[in-house]
Structure formats: structure tokens, C-alpha cells
Amino acid sequence: MMMDPKRKGEIALAILKHRMGNEGIQLNPNSRRRLGNIARATGIPLEELKAFAREVTTEMIKECLR
């Protein structure tokens, strides 16, 4: 059974948020370097990764403060 790409993205985001909620969010000087390494390894542009990280982190903080 082939899964719809949109649904794959929804599942991946839910897993990421679950993991971030359980393990916490680490913000330190190595965070940018880690994003750069991920960008090189995956071929995803660094600016897109930064925007994604910013959006997901903001959502997690809002959920935590509700």
C-alpha cells in the first residue's frame, strides 16, 4: 500500500513533536551546526531547515504554555 506523501508528512511531524516533547528542545551554539550538518546530509536547503525548526519550536512552546 502506497502512502500519500501528505499523510507521510503529517505522521513525521507528529513523531517529531512527540519526540521533542519527551526529550526536550536543546538550544545551544551547536544547534546551527547541527542544522548545517542535516542540510548537507539530506540536501534540504539550510534556510528551509531553519524556517521549519523555528515554526515547529514555536508551536511546541505555544502548546507547552497553554
PDB file of N, CA and C in Angstrom:
ATOM      1  N   MET A   1       0.845  -1.182   0.000  1.00  0.00           N
ATOM      2  CA  MET A   1       0.000   0.000   0.000  1.00  0.00           C
ATOM      3  C   MET A   1       0.887   1.241   0.000  1.00  0.00           C
ATOM      4  N   MET A   2       0.705   2.084  -0.998  1.00  0.00           N
ATOM      5  CA  MET A   2       1.461   3.334  -1.073  1.00  0.00           C
ATOM      6  C   MET A   2       0.767   4.389  -0.216  1.00  0.00           C
ATOM      7  N   MET A   3       1.568   5.066   0.584  1.00  0.00           N
ATOM      8  CA  MET A   3       1.017   6.096   1.448  1.00  0.00           C
ATOM      9  C   MET A   3       1.107   7.447   0.750  1.00  0.00           C
ATOM     10  N   ASP A   4       0.084   8.234   0.928  1.00  0.00           N
ATOM     11  CA  ASP A   4       0.023   9.586   0.388  1.00  0.00           C
ATOM     12  C   ASP A   4       1.166  10.421   0.993  1.00  0.00           C
ATOM     13  N   PRO A   5       1.928  11.154   0.182  1.00  0.00           N
ATOM     14  CA  PRO A   5       3.029  11.967   0.705  1.00  0.00           C
ATOM     15  C   PRO A   5       2.589  12.966   1.776  1.00  0.00           C
ATOM     16  N   LYS A   6       1.393  13.526   1.634  1.00  0.00           N
ATOM     17  CA  LYS A   6       0.893  14.469   2.645  1.00  0.00           C
ATOM     18  C   LYS A   6       0.732  13.762   3.984  1.00  0.00           C
ATOM     19  N   ARG A   7       0.184  12.558   3.944  1.00  0.00           N
ATOM     20  CA  ARG A   7      -0.019  11.792   5.186  1.00  0.00           C
ATOM     21  C   ARG A   7       1.323  11.414   5.806  1.00  0.00           C
ATOM     22  N   LYS A   8       2.295  11.065   4.983  1.00  0.00           N
ATOM     23  CA  LYS A   8       3.637  10.762   5.488  1.00  0.00           C
ATOM     24  C   LYS A   8       4.188  11.962   6.256  1.00  0.00           C
ATOM     25  N   GLY A   9       4.009  13.149   5.681  1.00  0.00           N
ATOM     26  CA  GLY A   9       4.479  14.367   6.333  1.00  0.00           C
ATOM     27  C   GLY A   9       3.782  14.614   7.658  1.00  0.00           C
ATOM     28  N   GLU A  10       2.475  14.356   7.703  1.00  0.00           N
ATOM     29  CA  GLU A  10       1.714  14.529   8.947  1.00  0.00           C
ATOM     30  C   GLU A  10       2.220  13.577  10.023  1.00  0.00           C
ATOM     31  N   ILE A  11       2.470  12.337   9.634  1.00  0.00           N
ATOM     32  CA  ILE A  11       2.968  11.340  10.586  1.00  0.00           C
ATOM     33  C   ILE A  11       4.364  11.721  11.067  1.00  0.00           C
ATOM     34  N   ALA A  12       5.237  12.120  10.144  1.00  0.00           N
ATOM     35  CA  ALA A  12       6.597  12.508  10.514  1.00  0.00           C
ATOM     36  C   ALA A  12       6.590  13.697  11.473  1.00  0.00           C
ATOM     37  N   LEU A  13       5.733  14.676  11.223  1.00  0.00           N
ATOM     38  CA  LEU A  13       5.646  15.846  12.095  1.00  0.00           C
ATOM     39  C   LEU A  13       5.122  15.464  13.473  1.00  0.00           C
ATOM     40  N   ALA A  14       4.134  14.585  13.534  1.00  0.00           N
ATOM     41  CA  ALA A  14       3.599  14.138  14.821  1.00  0.00           C
ATOM     42  C   ALA A  14       4.670  13.400  15.619  1.00  0.00           C
ATOM     43  N   ILE A  15       5.455  12.560  14.951  1.00  0.00           N
ATOM     44  CA  ILE A  15       6.533  11.829  15.628  1.00  0.00           C
ATOM     45  C   ILE A  15       7.588  12.804  16.129  1.00  0.00           C
ATOM     46  N   LEU A  16       7.954  13.783  15.300  1.00  0.00           N
ATOM     47  CA  LEU A  16       8.942  14.781  15.700  1.00  0.00           C
ATOM     48  C   LEU A  16       8.475  15.558  16.927  1.00  0.00           C
ATOM     49  N   LYS A  17       7.228  16.013  16.912  1.00  0.00           N
ATOM     50  CA  LYS A  17       6.697  16.770  18.052  1.00  0.00           C
ATOM     51  C   LYS A  17       6.637  15.910  19.306  1.00  0.00           C
ATOM     52  N   HIS A  18       6.269  14.661  19.152  1.00  0.00           N
ATOM     53  CA  HIS A  18       6.221  13.746  20.297  1.00  0.00           C
ATOM     54  C   HIS A  18       7.622  13.587  20.891  1.00  0.00           C
ATOM     55  N   ARG A  19       8.586  13.384  20.022  1.00  0.00           N
ATOM     56  CA  ARG A  19       9.966  13.210  20.486  1.00  0.00           C
ATOM     57  C   ARG A  19      10.488  14.480  21.153  1.00  0.00           C
ATOM     58  N   MET A  20      10.220  15.632  20.537  1.00  0.00           N
ATOM     59  CA  MET A  20      10.656  16.900  21.124  1.00  0.00           C
ATOM     60  C   MET A  20       9.993  17.129  22.479  1.00  0.00           C
ATOM     61  N   GLY A  21       8.731  16.757  22.595  1.00  0.00           N
ATOM     62  CA  GLY A  21       8.024  16.923  23.856  1.00  0.00           C
ATOM     63  C   GLY A  21       8.583  16.046  24.953  1.00  0.00           C
ATOM     64  N   ASN A  22       9.007  14.857  24.594  1.00  0.00           N
ATOM     65  CA  ASN A  22       9.553  13.929  25.585  1.00  0.00           C
ATOM     66  C   ASN A  22      11.012  14.201  25.909  1.00  0.00           C
ATOM     67  N   GLU A  23      11.800  14.544  24.899  1.00  0.00           N
ATOM     68  CA  GLU A  23      13.238  14.719  25.089  1.00  0.00           C
ATOM     69  C   GLU A  23      13.636  16.166  25.324  1.00  0.00           C
ATOM     70  N   GLY A  24      12.735  17.089  25.048  1.00  0.00           N
ATOM     71  CA  GLY A  24      13.034  18.500  25.231  1.00  0.00           C
ATOM     72  C   GLY A  24      13.682  19.104  23.996  1.00  0.00           C
ATOM     73  N   ILE A  25      13.821  20.405  24.030  1.00  0.00           N
ATOM     74  CA  ILE A  25      14.415  21.150  22.925  1.00  0.00           C
ATOM     75  C   ILE A  25      15.724  21.736  23.431  1.00  0.00           C
ATOM     76  N   GLN A  26      16.810  21.406  22.761  1.00  0.00           N
ATOM     77  CA  GLN A  26      18.112  21.933  23.155  1.00  0.00           C
ATOM     78  C   GLN A  26      18.497  23.077  22.232  1.00  0.00           C
ATOM     79  N   LEU A  27      18.686  24.228  22.820  1.00  0.00           N
ATOM     80  CA  LEU A  27      19.122  25.392  22.052  1.00  0.00           C
ATOM     81  C   LEU A  27      20.482  25.811  22.588  1.00  0.00           C
ATOM     82  N   ASN A  28      21.495  25.599  21.798  1.00  0.00           N
ATOM     83  CA  ASN A  28      22.846  25.954  22.201  1.00  0.00           C
ATOM     84  C   ASN A  28      23.653  26.298  20.953  1.00  0.00           C
ATOM     85  N   PRO A  29      24.901  26.703  21.114  1.00  0.00           N
ATOM     86  CA  PRO A  29      25.701  27.084  19.946  1.00  0.00           C
ATOM     87  C   PRO A  29      25.826  25.978  18.889  1.00  0.00           C
ATOM     88  N   ASN A  30      25.683  24.732  19.273  1.00  0.00           N
ATOM     89  CA  ASN A  30      25.799  23.633  18.315  1.00  0.00           C
ATOM     90  C   ASN A  30      24.531  23.423  17.493  1.00  0.00           C
ATOM     91  N   SER A  31      23.444  24.078  17.862  1.00  0.00           N
ATOM     92  CA  SER A  31      22.177  23.887  17.151  1.00  0.00           C
ATOM     93  C   SER A  31      22.301  24.271  15.679  1.00  0.00           C
ATOM     94  N   ARG A  32      22.936  25.388  15.393  1.00  0.00           N
ATOM     95  CA  ARG A  32      23.106  25.818  13.994  1.00  0.00           C
ATOM     96  C   ARG A  32      24.003  24.852  13.229  1.00  0.00           C
ATOM     97  N   ARG A  33      25.049  24.409  13.888  1.00  0.00           N
ATOM     98  CA  ARG A  33      25.956  23.460  13.238  1.00  0.00           C
ATOM     99  C   ARG A  33      25.224  22.167  12.909  1.00  0.00           C
ATOM    100  N   ARG A  34      24.397  21.725  13.843  1.00  0.00           N
ATOM    101  CA  ARG A  34      23.618  20.501  13.626  1.00  0.00           C
ATOM    102  C   ARG A  34      22.684  20.665  12.426  1.00  0.00           C
ATOM    103  N   LEU A  35      22.027  21.827  12.336  1.00  0.00           N
ATOM    104  CA  LEU A  35      21.157  22.082  11.187  1.00  0.00           C
ATOM    105  C   LEU A  35      21.959  22.083   9.882  1.00  0.00           C
ATOM    106  N   GLY A  36      23.150  22.657   9.919  1.00  0.00           N
ATOM    107  CA  GLY A  36      24.006  22.658   8.733  1.00  0.00           C
ATOM    108  C   GLY A  36      24.386  21.249   8.314  1.00  0.00           C
ATOM    109  N   ASN A  37      24.698  20.412   9.296  1.00  0.00           N
ATOM    110  CA  ASN A  37      25.037  19.018   9.001  1.00  0.00           C
ATOM    111  C   ASN A  37      23.845  18.276   8.410  1.00  0.00           C
ATOM    112  N   ILE A  38      22.668  18.537   8.956  1.00  0.00           N
ATOM    113  CA  ILE A  38      21.452  17.898   8.435  1.00  0.00           C
ATOM    114  C   ILE A  38      21.193  18.367   7.008  1.00  0.00           C
ATOM    115  N   ALA A  39      21.390  19.663   6.760  1.00  0.00           N
ATOM    116  CA  ALA A  39      21.180  20.207   5.412  1.00  0.00           C
ATOM    117  C   ALA A  39      22.095  19.516   4.406  1.00  0.00           C
ATOM    118  N   ARG A  40      23.357  19.369   4.765  1.00  0.00           N
ATOM    119  CA  ARG A  40      24.299  18.708   3.855  1.00  0.00           C
ATOM    120  C   ARG A  40      23.934  17.241   3.643  1.00  0.00           C
ATOM    121  N   ALA A  41      23.543  16.559   4.711  1.00  0.00           N
ATOM    122  CA  ALA A  41      23.244  15.127   4.615  1.00  0.00           C
ATOM    123  C   ALA A  41      21.967  14.845   3.829  1.00  0.00           C
ATOM    124  N   THR A  42      20.989  15.744   3.926  1.00  0.00           N
ATOM    125  CA  THR A  42      19.687  15.489   3.304  1.00  0.00           C
ATOM    126  C   THR A  42      19.476  16.220   1.988  1.00  0.00           C
ATOM    127  N   GLY A  43      20.277  17.252   1.752  1.00  0.00           N
ATOM    128  CA  GLY A  43      20.078  18.059   0.554  1.00  0.00           C
ATOM    129  C   GLY A  43      18.981  19.100   0.705  1.00  0.00           C
ATOM    130  N   ILE A  44      18.448  19.235   1.908  1.00  0.00           N
ATOM    131  CA  ILE A  44      17.428  20.257   2.181  1.00  0.00           C
ATOM    132  C   ILE A  44      18.159  21.577   2.430  1.00  0.00           C
ATOM    133  N   PRO A  45      17.758  22.658   1.761  1.00  0.00           N
ATOM    134  CA  PRO A  45      18.434  23.943   1.968  1.00  0.00           C
ATOM    135  C   PRO A  45      18.395  24.376   3.439  1.00  0.00           C
ATOM    136  N   LEU A  46      19.518  24.918   3.903  1.00  0.00           N
ATOM    137  CA  LEU A  46      19.641  25.333   5.296  1.00  0.00           C
ATOM    138  C   LEU A  46      18.553  26.322   5.691  1.00  0.00           C
ATOM    139  N   GLU A  47      18.236  27.268   4.827  1.00  0.00           N
ATOM    140  CA  GLU A  47      17.212  28.267   5.158  1.00  0.00           C
ATOM    141  C   GLU A  47      15.849  27.609   5.376  1.00  0.00           C
ATOM    142  N   GLU A  48      15.546  26.575   4.587  1.00  0.00           N
ATOM    143  CA  GLU A  48      14.284  25.855   4.783  1.00  0.00           C
ATOM    144  C   GLU A  48      14.293  25.117   6.114  1.00  0.00           C
ATOM    145  N   LEU A  49      15.420  24.498   6.457  1.00  0.00           N
ATOM    146  CA  LEU A  49      15.511  23.801   7.744  1.00  0.00           C
ATOM    147  C   LEU A  49      15.360  24.772   8.909  1.00  0.00           C
ATOM    148  N   LYS A  50      15.983  25.935   8.797  1.00  0.00           N
ATOM    149  CA  LYS A  50      15.857  26.941   9.856  1.00  0.00           C
ATOM    150  C   LYS A  50      14.404  27.370  10.018  1.00  0.00           C
ATOM    151  N   ALA A  51      13.727  27.631   8.905  1.00  0.00           N
ATOM    152  CA  ALA A  51      12.322  28.047   8.962  1.00  0.00           C
ATOM    153  C   ALA A  51      11.463  26.947   9.574  1.00  0.00           C
ATOM    154  N   PHE A  52      11.719  25.707   9.185  1.00  0.00           N
ATOM    155  CA  PHE A  52      10.970  24.573   9.733  1.00  0.00           C
ATOM    156  C   PHE A  52      11.216  24.449  11.235  1.00  0.00           C
ATOM    157  N   ALA A  53      12.478  24.517  11.648  1.00  0.00           N
ATOM    158  CA  ALA A  53      12.818  24.402  13.069  1.00  0.00           C
ATOM    159  C   ALA A  53      12.168  25.526  13.870  1.00  0.00           C
ATOM    160  N   ARG A  54      12.198  26.738  13.323  1.00  0.00           N
ATOM    161  CA  ARG A  54      11.596  27.888  14.002  1.00  0.00           C
ATOM    162  C   ARG A  54      10.097  27.670  14.190  1.00  0.00           C
ATOM    163  N   GLU A  55       9.430  27.209  13.134  1.00  0.00           N
ATOM    164  CA  GLU A  55       7.985  27.005  13.187  1.00  0.00           C
ATOM    165  C   GLU A  55       7.608  25.896  14.171  1.00  0.00           C
ATOM    166  N   VAL A  56       8.296  24.778  14.099  1.00  0.00           N
ATOM    167  CA  VAL A  56       7.974  23.653  14.985  1.00  0.00           C
ATOM    168  C   VAL A  56       8.281  24.011  16.435  1.00  0.00           C
ATOM    169  N   THR A  57       9.412  24.665  16.673  1.00  0.00           N
ATOM    170  CA  THR A  57       9.772  25.054  18.037  1.00  0.00           C
ATOM    171  C   THR A  57       8.748  26.027  18.605  1.00  0.00           C
ATOM    172  N   THR A  58       8.319  26.990  17.810  1.00  0.00           N
ATOM    173  CA  THR A  58       7.304  27.949  18.253  1.00  0.00           C
ATOM    174  C   THR A  58       6.002  27.240  18.598  1.00  0.00           C
ATOM    175  N   GLU A  59       5.584  26.297  17.757  1.00  0.00           N
ATOM    176  CA  GLU A  59       4.365  25.526  18.034  1.00  0.00           C
ATOM    177  C   GLU A  59       4.491  24.754  19.341  1.00  0.00           C
ATOM    178  N   MET A  60       5.649  24.138  19.568  1.00  0.00           N
ATOM    179  CA  MET A  60       5.852  23.349  20.788  1.00  0.00           C
ATOM    180  C   MET A  60       5.794  24.240  22.032  1.00  0.00           C
ATOM    181  N   ILE A  61       6.388  25.418  21.948  1.00  0.00           N
ATOM    182  CA  ILE A  61       6.368  26.341  23.086  1.00  0.00           C
ATOM    183  C   ILE A  61       4.939  26.797  23.361  1.00  0.00           C
ATOM    184  N   LYS A  62       4.181  27.124  22.310  1.00  0.00           N
ATOM    185  CA  LYS A  62       2.786  27.540  22.487  1.00  0.00           C
ATOM    186  C   LYS A  62       1.966  26.425  23.127  1.00  0.00           C
ATOM    187  N   GLU A  63       2.165  25.185  22.679  1.00  0.00           N
ATOM    188  CA  GLU A  63       1.433  24.055  23.254  1.00  0.00           C
ATOM    189  C   GLU A  63       1.787  23.872  24.723  1.00  0.00           C
ATOM    190  N   CYS A  64       3.048  24.075  25.049  1.00  0.00           N
ATOM    191  CA  CYS A  64       3.510  23.910  26.427  1.00  0.00           C
ATOM    192  C   CYS A  64       2.902  24.968  27.345  1.00  0.00           C
ATOM    193  N   LEU A  65       2.691  26.164  26.830  1.00  0.00           N
ATOM    194  CA  LEU A  65       2.211  27.277  27.651  1.00  0.00           C
ATOM    195  C   LEU A  65       0.696  27.431  27.654  1.00  0.00           C
ATOM    196  N   ARG A  66      -0.018  26.535  27.008  1.00  0.00           N
ATOM    197  CA  ARG A  66      -1.487  26.620  27.002  1.00  0.00           C
ATOM    198  C   ARG A  66      -2.044  26.321  28.350  1.00  0.00           C
TER     199      ARG A  66
END
